[in-house]
Structure formats: structure tokens, C-alpha cells
């Protein structure tokens, strides 16, 4: 990868990081209307509240993980620019389309699939999550 492409990816990484940081964390209790109130009035509202809290927590965790991966990619660009765009597992070049969509990608598609075999696989049974 040439220096021009690396600087393009660096700009993409910095822009994505800025977007994620400026968005801030998701509100953990988005359906809470009064800061002084505690709890919810009924069981249905309690279930909704717990679901919204779980979703917000997952969004916050995913955003923090993405910012960490972006920071790692920026450090790699700074410290080891010749290795940027190479799979950290097999050493092959990561496909340009993959890097364009996800410039913080550390693995090629094949190695990523091997590391996370259940990703993007739909559940066939209700107990597939176990």
C-alpha cells in the first residue's frame, strides 16, 4: 500500500473516531421521564425498560470496542505503516473493499470468519444462542 492510500485510510479512521466520540454514549434509561423517579409503574413497563437498558449497554460496548479498534489501527499506521492493510493472522493483504468499509479491520475476511464462525449465521433453533 502506498503512502497516499495510507493517508486516505488515516483520514477515514479519524473521521469515524470523531463521529463515534461525538455521538456520545447511548442513554441507559431512555424511557425515564423524571430524574427523581425510580422504577416503573407496571410489569410491562419494567420489561420494556430492561430491554432498552440492555440495548443501550450493547450499543455503548460496541461503540467503545470500535473506538479501541480504530485507535489500534491509527497506532499501526503511525508505528508500522508498511504493515497496515495486512492480515494480522495470515499476513495476506486485506481486500481493498473490506478496508474501504472497515479501515480498522485487522484480519482478512477468511481469517475473521475462522475466528468468529458464528458471526452472520442465522439461528435455526431457539436454543442456538447457548
N, C-alpha and C. Protein backbone atom coordinates (compact mmCIF):
# COMPACT_ATOMS: atom_id res chain seq x y z
N UNK A 1 0.85 -1.17 0.00
CA UNK A 1 0.00 0.00 0.00
C UNK A 1 0.90 1.24 0.00
N UNK A 2 0.55 2.18 -0.83
CA UNK A 2 1.38 3.38 -0.93
C UNK A 2 0.97 4.42 0.13
N UNK A 3 1.80 5.45 0.25
CA UNK A 3 1.59 6.47 1.28
C UNK A 3 0.29 7.22 1.08
N UNK A 4 -0.10 7.42 -0.16
CA UNK A 4 -1.34 8.15 -0.45
C UNK A 4 -2.56 7.36 0.06
N UNK A 5 -2.57 6.06 -0.18
CA UNK A 5 -3.67 5.23 0.31
C UNK A 5 -3.69 5.20 1.83
N UNK A 6 -2.51 5.11 2.44
CA UNK A 6 -2.45 5.10 3.91
C UNK A 6 -3.00 6.40 4.49
N UNK A 7 -2.68 7.53 3.88
CA UNK A 7 -3.18 8.80 4.40
C UNK A 7 -4.70 8.90 4.21
N UNK A 8 -5.22 8.32 3.15
CA UNK A 8 -6.66 8.28 2.94
C UNK A 8 -7.34 7.46 4.03
N UNK A 9 -6.77 6.29 4.35
CA UNK A 9 -7.33 5.46 5.41
C UNK A 9 -7.20 6.15 6.77
N UNK A 10 -6.11 6.85 6.98
CA UNK A 10 -5.94 7.57 8.23
C UNK A 10 -7.04 8.62 8.39
N UNK A 11 -7.35 9.34 7.31
CA UNK A 11 -8.42 10.34 7.36
C UNK A 11 -9.77 9.67 7.63
N UNK A 12 -10.03 8.52 7.00
CA UNK A 12 -11.27 7.79 7.25
C UNK A 12 -11.37 7.35 8.71
N UNK A 13 -10.27 6.85 9.25
CA UNK A 13 -10.25 6.39 10.63
C UNK A 13 -10.50 7.55 11.60
N UNK A 14 -9.85 8.66 11.37
CA UNK A 14 -10.02 9.82 12.26
C UNK A 14 -11.44 10.35 12.19
N UNK A 15 -12.03 10.37 10.99
CA UNK A 15 -13.40 10.84 10.85
C UNK A 15 -14.38 9.92 11.57
N UNK A 16 -14.21 8.61 11.41
CA UNK A 16 -15.10 7.65 12.07
C UNK A 16 -14.96 7.74 13.59
N UNK A 17 -13.73 7.89 14.07
CA UNK A 17 -13.50 8.03 15.52
C UNK A 17 -14.19 9.27 16.05
N UNK A 18 -14.05 10.37 15.31
CA UNK A 18 -14.67 11.62 15.71
C UNK A 18 -16.20 11.46 15.78
N UNK A 19 -16.79 10.80 14.79
CA UNK A 19 -18.24 10.56 14.79
C UNK A 19 -18.67 9.76 16.02
N UNK A 20 -17.93 8.70 16.31
CA UNK A 20 -18.29 7.83 17.43
C UNK A 20 -18.17 8.56 18.76
N UNK A 21 -17.11 9.34 18.93
CA UNK A 21 -16.89 10.05 20.19
C UNK A 21 -17.92 11.16 20.35
N UNK A 22 -18.19 11.90 19.27
CA UNK A 22 -19.16 13.00 19.36
C UNK A 22 -20.58 12.49 19.60
N UNK A 23 -20.89 11.30 19.12
CA UNK A 23 -22.23 10.74 19.34
C UNK A 23 -22.48 10.50 20.82
N UNK A 24 -21.43 10.23 21.55
CA UNK A 24 -21.56 10.01 22.99
C UNK A 24 -22.24 8.69 23.30
N UNK A 25 -22.33 8.39 24.57
CA UNK A 25 -22.95 7.12 24.96
C UNK A 25 -24.46 7.16 24.80
N UNK A 26 -25.03 5.99 24.54
CA UNK A 26 -26.49 5.87 24.48
C UNK A 26 -27.05 6.00 25.90
N UNK A 27 -28.19 6.60 26.02
CA UNK A 27 -28.83 6.76 27.33
C UNK A 27 -29.27 5.39 27.84
N UNK A 28 -28.85 5.08 29.04
CA UNK A 28 -29.15 3.76 29.60
C UNK A 28 -30.63 3.61 29.95
N UNK A 29 -31.28 4.69 30.35
CA UNK A 29 -32.72 4.62 30.65
C UNK A 29 -33.45 5.62 29.75
N UNK A 30 -33.60 5.30 28.46
CA UNK A 30 -34.19 6.26 27.53
C UNK A 30 -35.67 6.55 27.77
N UNK A 31 -36.38 5.64 28.44
CA UNK A 31 -37.81 5.87 28.67
C UNK A 31 -38.10 6.54 30.02
N UNK A 32 -37.08 6.91 30.73
CA UNK A 32 -37.25 7.59 32.03
C UNK A 32 -37.57 9.05 31.76
N UNK A 33 -38.68 9.52 32.31
CA UNK A 33 -39.11 10.89 32.03
C UNK A 33 -38.79 11.86 33.16
N UNK A 34 -38.61 11.34 34.36
CA UNK A 34 -38.37 12.19 35.52
C UNK A 34 -37.10 11.70 36.23
N UNK A 35 -36.15 12.60 36.40
CA UNK A 35 -34.89 12.22 37.05
C UNK A 35 -35.07 11.76 38.49
N UNK A 36 -36.13 12.23 39.13
CA UNK A 36 -36.33 11.89 40.54
C UNK A 36 -37.06 10.56 40.72
N UNK A 37 -37.72 10.08 39.69
CA UNK A 37 -38.48 8.84 39.84
C UNK A 37 -37.57 7.63 39.77
N UNK A 38 -38.00 6.60 40.46
CA UNK A 38 -37.25 5.35 40.50
C UNK A 38 -38.22 4.23 40.14
N UNK A 39 -37.76 3.28 39.33
CA UNK A 39 -38.64 2.17 38.97
C UNK A 39 -39.63 2.55 37.90
N UNK A 40 -40.52 1.63 37.61
CA UNK A 40 -41.54 1.84 36.59
C UNK A 40 -42.90 1.42 37.15
N UNK A 41 -43.99 1.93 36.57
CA UNK A 41 -45.31 1.70 37.16
C UNK A 41 -45.85 0.28 37.06
N UNK A 42 -45.49 -0.47 36.04
CA UNK A 42 -46.05 -1.81 35.92
C UNK A 42 -45.04 -2.79 35.31
N UNK A 43 -45.42 -4.06 35.25
CA UNK A 43 -44.50 -5.09 34.76
C UNK A 43 -44.16 -4.93 33.29
N UNK A 44 -45.13 -4.50 32.47
CA UNK A 44 -44.86 -4.30 31.05
C UNK A 44 -43.83 -3.19 30.86
N UNK A 45 -44.00 -2.11 31.60
CA UNK A 45 -43.04 -1.01 31.50
C UNK A 45 -41.67 -1.45 32.02
N UNK A 46 -41.66 -2.30 33.04
CA UNK A 46 -40.39 -2.80 33.57
C UNK A 46 -39.66 -3.62 32.52
N UNK A 47 -40.38 -4.49 31.82
CA UNK A 47 -39.76 -5.31 30.78
C UNK A 47 -39.22 -4.43 29.66
N UNK A 48 -39.97 -3.42 29.25
CA UNK A 48 -39.51 -2.50 28.22
C UNK A 48 -38.27 -1.75 28.69
N UNK A 49 -38.28 -1.30 29.91
CA UNK A 49 -37.15 -0.57 30.47
C UNK A 49 -35.89 -1.43 30.48
N UNK A 50 -36.04 -2.67 30.91
CA UNK A 50 -34.88 -3.57 30.95
C UNK A 50 -34.35 -3.86 29.54
N UNK A 51 -35.26 -4.03 28.58
CA UNK A 51 -34.83 -4.28 27.20
C UNK A 51 -34.08 -3.06 26.64
N UNK A 52 -34.61 -1.87 26.89
CA UNK A 52 -33.96 -0.66 26.41
C UNK A 52 -32.60 -0.45 27.07
N UNK A 53 -32.49 -0.80 28.35
CA UNK A 53 -31.20 -0.70 29.04
C UNK A 53 -30.19 -1.66 28.43
N UNK A 54 -30.64 -2.87 28.13
CA UNK A 54 -29.74 -3.85 27.52
C UNK A 54 -29.27 -3.39 26.16
N UNK A 55 -30.19 -2.88 25.35
CA UNK A 55 -29.83 -2.39 24.02
C UNK A 55 -28.84 -1.22 24.11
N UNK A 56 -29.09 -0.30 25.01
CA UNK A 56 -28.20 0.85 25.17
C UNK A 56 -26.82 0.40 25.65
N UNK A 57 -26.78 -0.54 26.57
CA UNK A 57 -25.50 -1.05 27.06
C UNK A 57 -24.72 -1.74 25.94
N UNK A 58 -25.42 -2.52 25.12
CA UNK A 58 -24.76 -3.18 23.99
C UNK A 58 -24.23 -2.16 22.99
N UNK A 59 -25.01 -1.12 22.72
CA UNK A 59 -24.54 -0.07 21.80
C UNK A 59 -23.29 0.61 22.36
N UNK A 60 -23.30 0.92 23.65
CA UNK A 60 -22.15 1.57 24.27
C UNK A 60 -20.92 0.67 24.23
N UNK A 61 -21.11 -0.61 24.51
CA UNK A 61 -19.99 -1.57 24.47
C UNK A 61 -19.43 -1.67 23.05
N UNK A 62 -20.30 -1.77 22.05
CA UNK A 62 -19.86 -1.89 20.67
C UNK A 62 -19.14 -0.62 20.21
N UNK A 63 -19.65 0.54 20.62
CA UNK A 63 -19.01 1.81 20.25
C UNK A 63 -17.62 1.91 20.88
N UNK A 64 -17.50 1.51 22.14
CA UNK A 64 -16.20 1.56 22.81
C UNK A 64 -15.21 0.59 22.15
N UNK A 65 -15.69 -0.59 21.78
CA UNK A 65 -14.82 -1.56 21.11
C UNK A 65 -14.36 -1.01 19.75
N UNK A 66 -15.28 -0.39 19.02
CA UNK A 66 -14.91 0.17 17.72
C UNK A 66 -13.88 1.29 17.86
N UNK A 67 -14.06 2.17 18.83
CA UNK A 67 -13.08 3.24 19.06
C UNK A 67 -11.72 2.64 19.41
N UNK A 68 -11.70 1.59 20.21
CA UNK A 68 -10.45 0.92 20.53
C UNK A 68 -9.79 0.32 19.31
N UNK A 69 -10.58 -0.29 18.43
CA UNK A 69 -10.03 -0.86 17.20
C UNK A 69 -9.51 0.23 16.27
N UNK A 70 -10.21 1.35 16.23
CA UNK A 70 -9.77 2.48 15.41
C UNK A 70 -8.45 3.03 15.96
N UNK A 71 -8.35 3.16 17.27
CA UNK A 71 -7.11 3.64 17.89
C UNK A 71 -5.95 2.69 17.58
N UNK A 72 -6.22 1.39 17.64
CA UNK A 72 -5.20 0.40 17.32
C UNK A 72 -4.73 0.56 15.87
N UNK A 73 -5.68 0.77 14.95
CA UNK A 73 -5.34 0.94 13.54
C UNK A 73 -4.54 2.22 13.32
N UNK A 74 -4.91 3.29 14.03
CA UNK A 74 -4.15 4.54 13.90
C UNK A 74 -2.72 4.39 14.43
N UNK A 75 -2.57 3.66 15.54
CA UNK A 75 -1.22 3.39 16.07
C UNK A 75 -0.40 2.58 15.06
N UNK A 76 -1.06 1.62 14.44
CA UNK A 76 -0.37 0.79 13.44
C UNK A 76 0.07 1.65 12.26
N UNK A 77 -0.78 2.55 11.82
CA UNK A 77 -0.41 3.46 10.73
C UNK A 77 0.78 4.33 11.12
N UNK A 78 0.82 4.75 12.38
CA UNK A 78 1.90 5.60 12.85
C UNK A 78 3.20 4.83 13.07
N UNK A 79 3.09 3.67 13.73
CA UNK A 79 4.28 2.93 14.14
C UNK A 79 4.79 1.92 13.12
N UNK A 80 3.87 1.28 12.41
CA UNK A 80 4.24 0.24 11.43
C UNK A 80 3.45 0.44 10.14
N UNK A 81 3.68 1.55 9.44
CA UNK A 81 2.84 1.86 8.27
C UNK A 81 2.90 0.81 7.16
N UNK A 82 4.00 0.11 7.02
CA UNK A 82 4.10 -0.89 5.97
C UNK A 82 3.24 -2.12 6.26
N UNK A 83 2.87 -2.34 7.52
CA UNK A 83 2.05 -3.49 7.89
C UNK A 83 0.56 -3.18 7.87
N UNK A 84 0.20 -1.89 7.69
CA UNK A 84 -1.21 -1.55 7.66
C UNK A 84 -1.84 -2.15 6.40
N UNK A 85 -2.99 -2.77 6.57
CA UNK A 85 -3.68 -3.39 5.44
C UNK A 85 -3.31 -4.85 5.25
N UNK A 86 -2.43 -5.36 6.12
CA UNK A 86 -2.08 -6.78 6.06
C UNK A 86 -2.79 -7.51 7.19
N UNK A 87 -3.28 -8.70 6.89
CA UNK A 87 -3.97 -9.51 7.89
C UNK A 87 -3.00 -9.87 9.01
N UNK A 88 -3.43 -9.68 10.24
CA UNK A 88 -2.58 -9.98 11.39
C UNK A 88 -2.45 -11.48 11.65
N UNK A 89 -3.26 -12.28 10.96
CA UNK A 89 -3.20 -13.73 11.14
C UNK A 89 -2.36 -14.37 10.03
N UNK A 90 -2.79 -14.22 8.79
CA UNK A 90 -2.12 -14.91 7.69
C UNK A 90 -1.09 -14.05 6.97
N UNK A 91 -1.13 -12.73 7.15
CA UNK A 91 -0.16 -11.85 6.51
C UNK A 91 -0.52 -11.42 5.10
N UNK A 92 -1.64 -11.92 4.57
CA UNK A 92 -2.08 -11.50 3.23
C UNK A 92 -2.67 -10.11 3.29
N UNK A 93 -2.77 -9.48 2.11
CA UNK A 93 -3.39 -8.16 2.05
C UNK A 93 -4.89 -8.29 2.31
N UNK A 94 -5.41 -7.35 3.08
CA UNK A 94 -6.85 -7.29 3.30
C UNK A 94 -7.46 -6.63 2.07
N UNK A 95 -8.54 -7.21 1.57
CA UNK A 95 -9.19 -6.71 0.36
C UNK A 95 -9.50 -5.22 0.50
N UNK A 96 -9.27 -4.47 -0.58
CA UNK A 96 -9.48 -3.03 -0.57
C UNK A 96 -10.93 -2.68 -0.23
N UNK A 97 -11.88 -3.46 -0.73
CA UNK A 97 -13.29 -3.18 -0.43
C UNK A 97 -13.56 -3.33 1.07
N UNK A 98 -12.93 -4.31 1.69
CA UNK A 98 -13.10 -4.50 3.13
C UNK A 98 -12.51 -3.33 3.90
N UNK A 99 -11.33 -2.89 3.49
CA UNK A 99 -10.70 -1.74 4.17
C UNK A 99 -11.48 -0.46 3.93
N UNK A 100 -12.08 -0.32 2.75
CA UNK A 100 -12.88 0.87 2.48
C UNK A 100 -14.09 0.94 3.40
N UNK A 101 -14.69 -0.21 3.68
CA UNK A 101 -15.85 -0.25 4.56
C UNK A 101 -15.48 -0.23 6.03
N UNK A 102 -14.35 -0.86 6.35
CA UNK A 102 -13.94 -1.03 7.74
C UNK A 102 -12.42 -0.84 7.82
N UNK A 103 -11.95 0.40 7.75
CA UNK A 103 -10.50 0.62 7.70
C UNK A 103 -9.75 0.15 8.95
N UNK A 104 -10.46 -0.16 10.01
CA UNK A 104 -9.81 -0.66 11.23
C UNK A 104 -9.73 -2.19 11.24
N UNK A 105 -10.13 -2.84 10.15
CA UNK A 105 -10.09 -4.30 10.10
C UNK A 105 -8.67 -4.80 10.28
N UNK A 106 -8.51 -5.78 11.17
CA UNK A 106 -7.19 -6.35 11.45
C UNK A 106 -6.97 -7.67 10.72
N UNK A 107 -8.07 -8.27 10.21
CA UNK A 107 -7.98 -9.57 9.59
C UNK A 107 -8.67 -9.56 8.23
N UNK A 108 -8.19 -10.41 7.34
CA UNK A 108 -8.88 -10.59 6.07
C UNK A 108 -10.21 -11.30 6.35
N UNK A 109 -11.08 -11.33 5.38
CA UNK A 109 -12.41 -11.91 5.59
C UNK A 109 -12.34 -13.38 5.99
N UNK A 110 -11.42 -14.13 5.39
CA UNK A 110 -11.30 -15.56 5.69
C UNK A 110 -10.84 -15.79 7.13
N UNK A 111 -9.83 -15.07 7.56
CA UNK A 111 -9.33 -15.23 8.93
C UNK A 111 -10.34 -14.74 9.95
N UNK A 112 -11.07 -13.65 9.62
CA UNK A 112 -12.11 -13.16 10.52
C UNK A 112 -13.20 -14.20 10.67
N UNK A 113 -13.59 -14.83 9.57
CA UNK A 113 -14.62 -15.87 9.62
C UNK A 113 -14.15 -17.06 10.44
N UNK A 114 -12.88 -17.40 10.35
CA UNK A 114 -12.35 -18.53 11.12
C UNK A 114 -12.32 -18.20 12.61
N UNK A 115 -12.05 -16.93 12.95
CA UNK A 115 -12.00 -16.53 14.36
C UNK A 115 -13.39 -16.42 14.98
N UNK A 116 -14.37 -16.08 14.17
CA UNK A 116 -15.72 -15.85 14.66
C UNK A 116 -16.71 -16.62 13.79
N UNK A 117 -16.73 -17.96 13.90
CA UNK A 117 -17.52 -18.77 12.97
C UNK A 117 -19.03 -18.58 13.07
N UNK A 118 -19.53 -18.09 14.20
CA UNK A 118 -20.98 -17.93 14.35
C UNK A 118 -21.47 -16.57 13.88
N UNK A 119 -20.58 -15.70 13.50
CA UNK A 119 -20.97 -14.37 13.05
C UNK A 119 -21.71 -14.46 11.72
N UNK A 120 -22.78 -13.70 11.61
CA UNK A 120 -23.61 -13.64 10.40
C UNK A 120 -24.22 -14.97 10.03
N UNK A 121 -24.43 -15.83 11.01
CA UNK A 121 -25.12 -17.10 10.78
C UNK A 121 -26.44 -17.01 11.52
N UNK A 122 -27.53 -17.23 10.82
CA UNK A 122 -28.83 -17.13 11.48
C UNK A 122 -29.08 -18.34 12.35
N UNK A 123 -29.86 -18.13 13.38
CA UNK A 123 -30.21 -19.22 14.30
C UNK A 123 -31.22 -20.13 13.63
N UNK A 124 -31.07 -21.40 13.84
CA UNK A 124 -32.01 -22.38 13.31
C UNK A 124 -33.00 -22.83 14.39
N UNK A 125 -32.58 -22.76 15.66
CA UNK A 125 -33.41 -23.16 16.79
C UNK A 125 -33.38 -22.06 17.84
N UNK A 126 -34.35 -22.09 18.73
CA UNK A 126 -34.39 -21.09 19.80
C UNK A 126 -33.22 -21.21 20.75
N UNK A 127 -32.59 -22.38 20.82
CA UNK A 127 -31.50 -22.57 21.77
C UNK A 127 -30.13 -22.44 21.12
N UNK A 128 -30.05 -21.91 19.90
CA UNK A 128 -28.76 -21.77 19.22
C UNK A 128 -27.84 -20.76 19.90
N UNK A 129 -28.37 -19.91 20.75
CA UNK A 129 -27.54 -18.91 21.41
C UNK A 129 -26.67 -19.51 22.49
N UNK A 130 -26.94 -20.71 22.93
CA UNK A 130 -26.18 -21.32 24.02
C UNK A 130 -24.85 -21.84 23.57
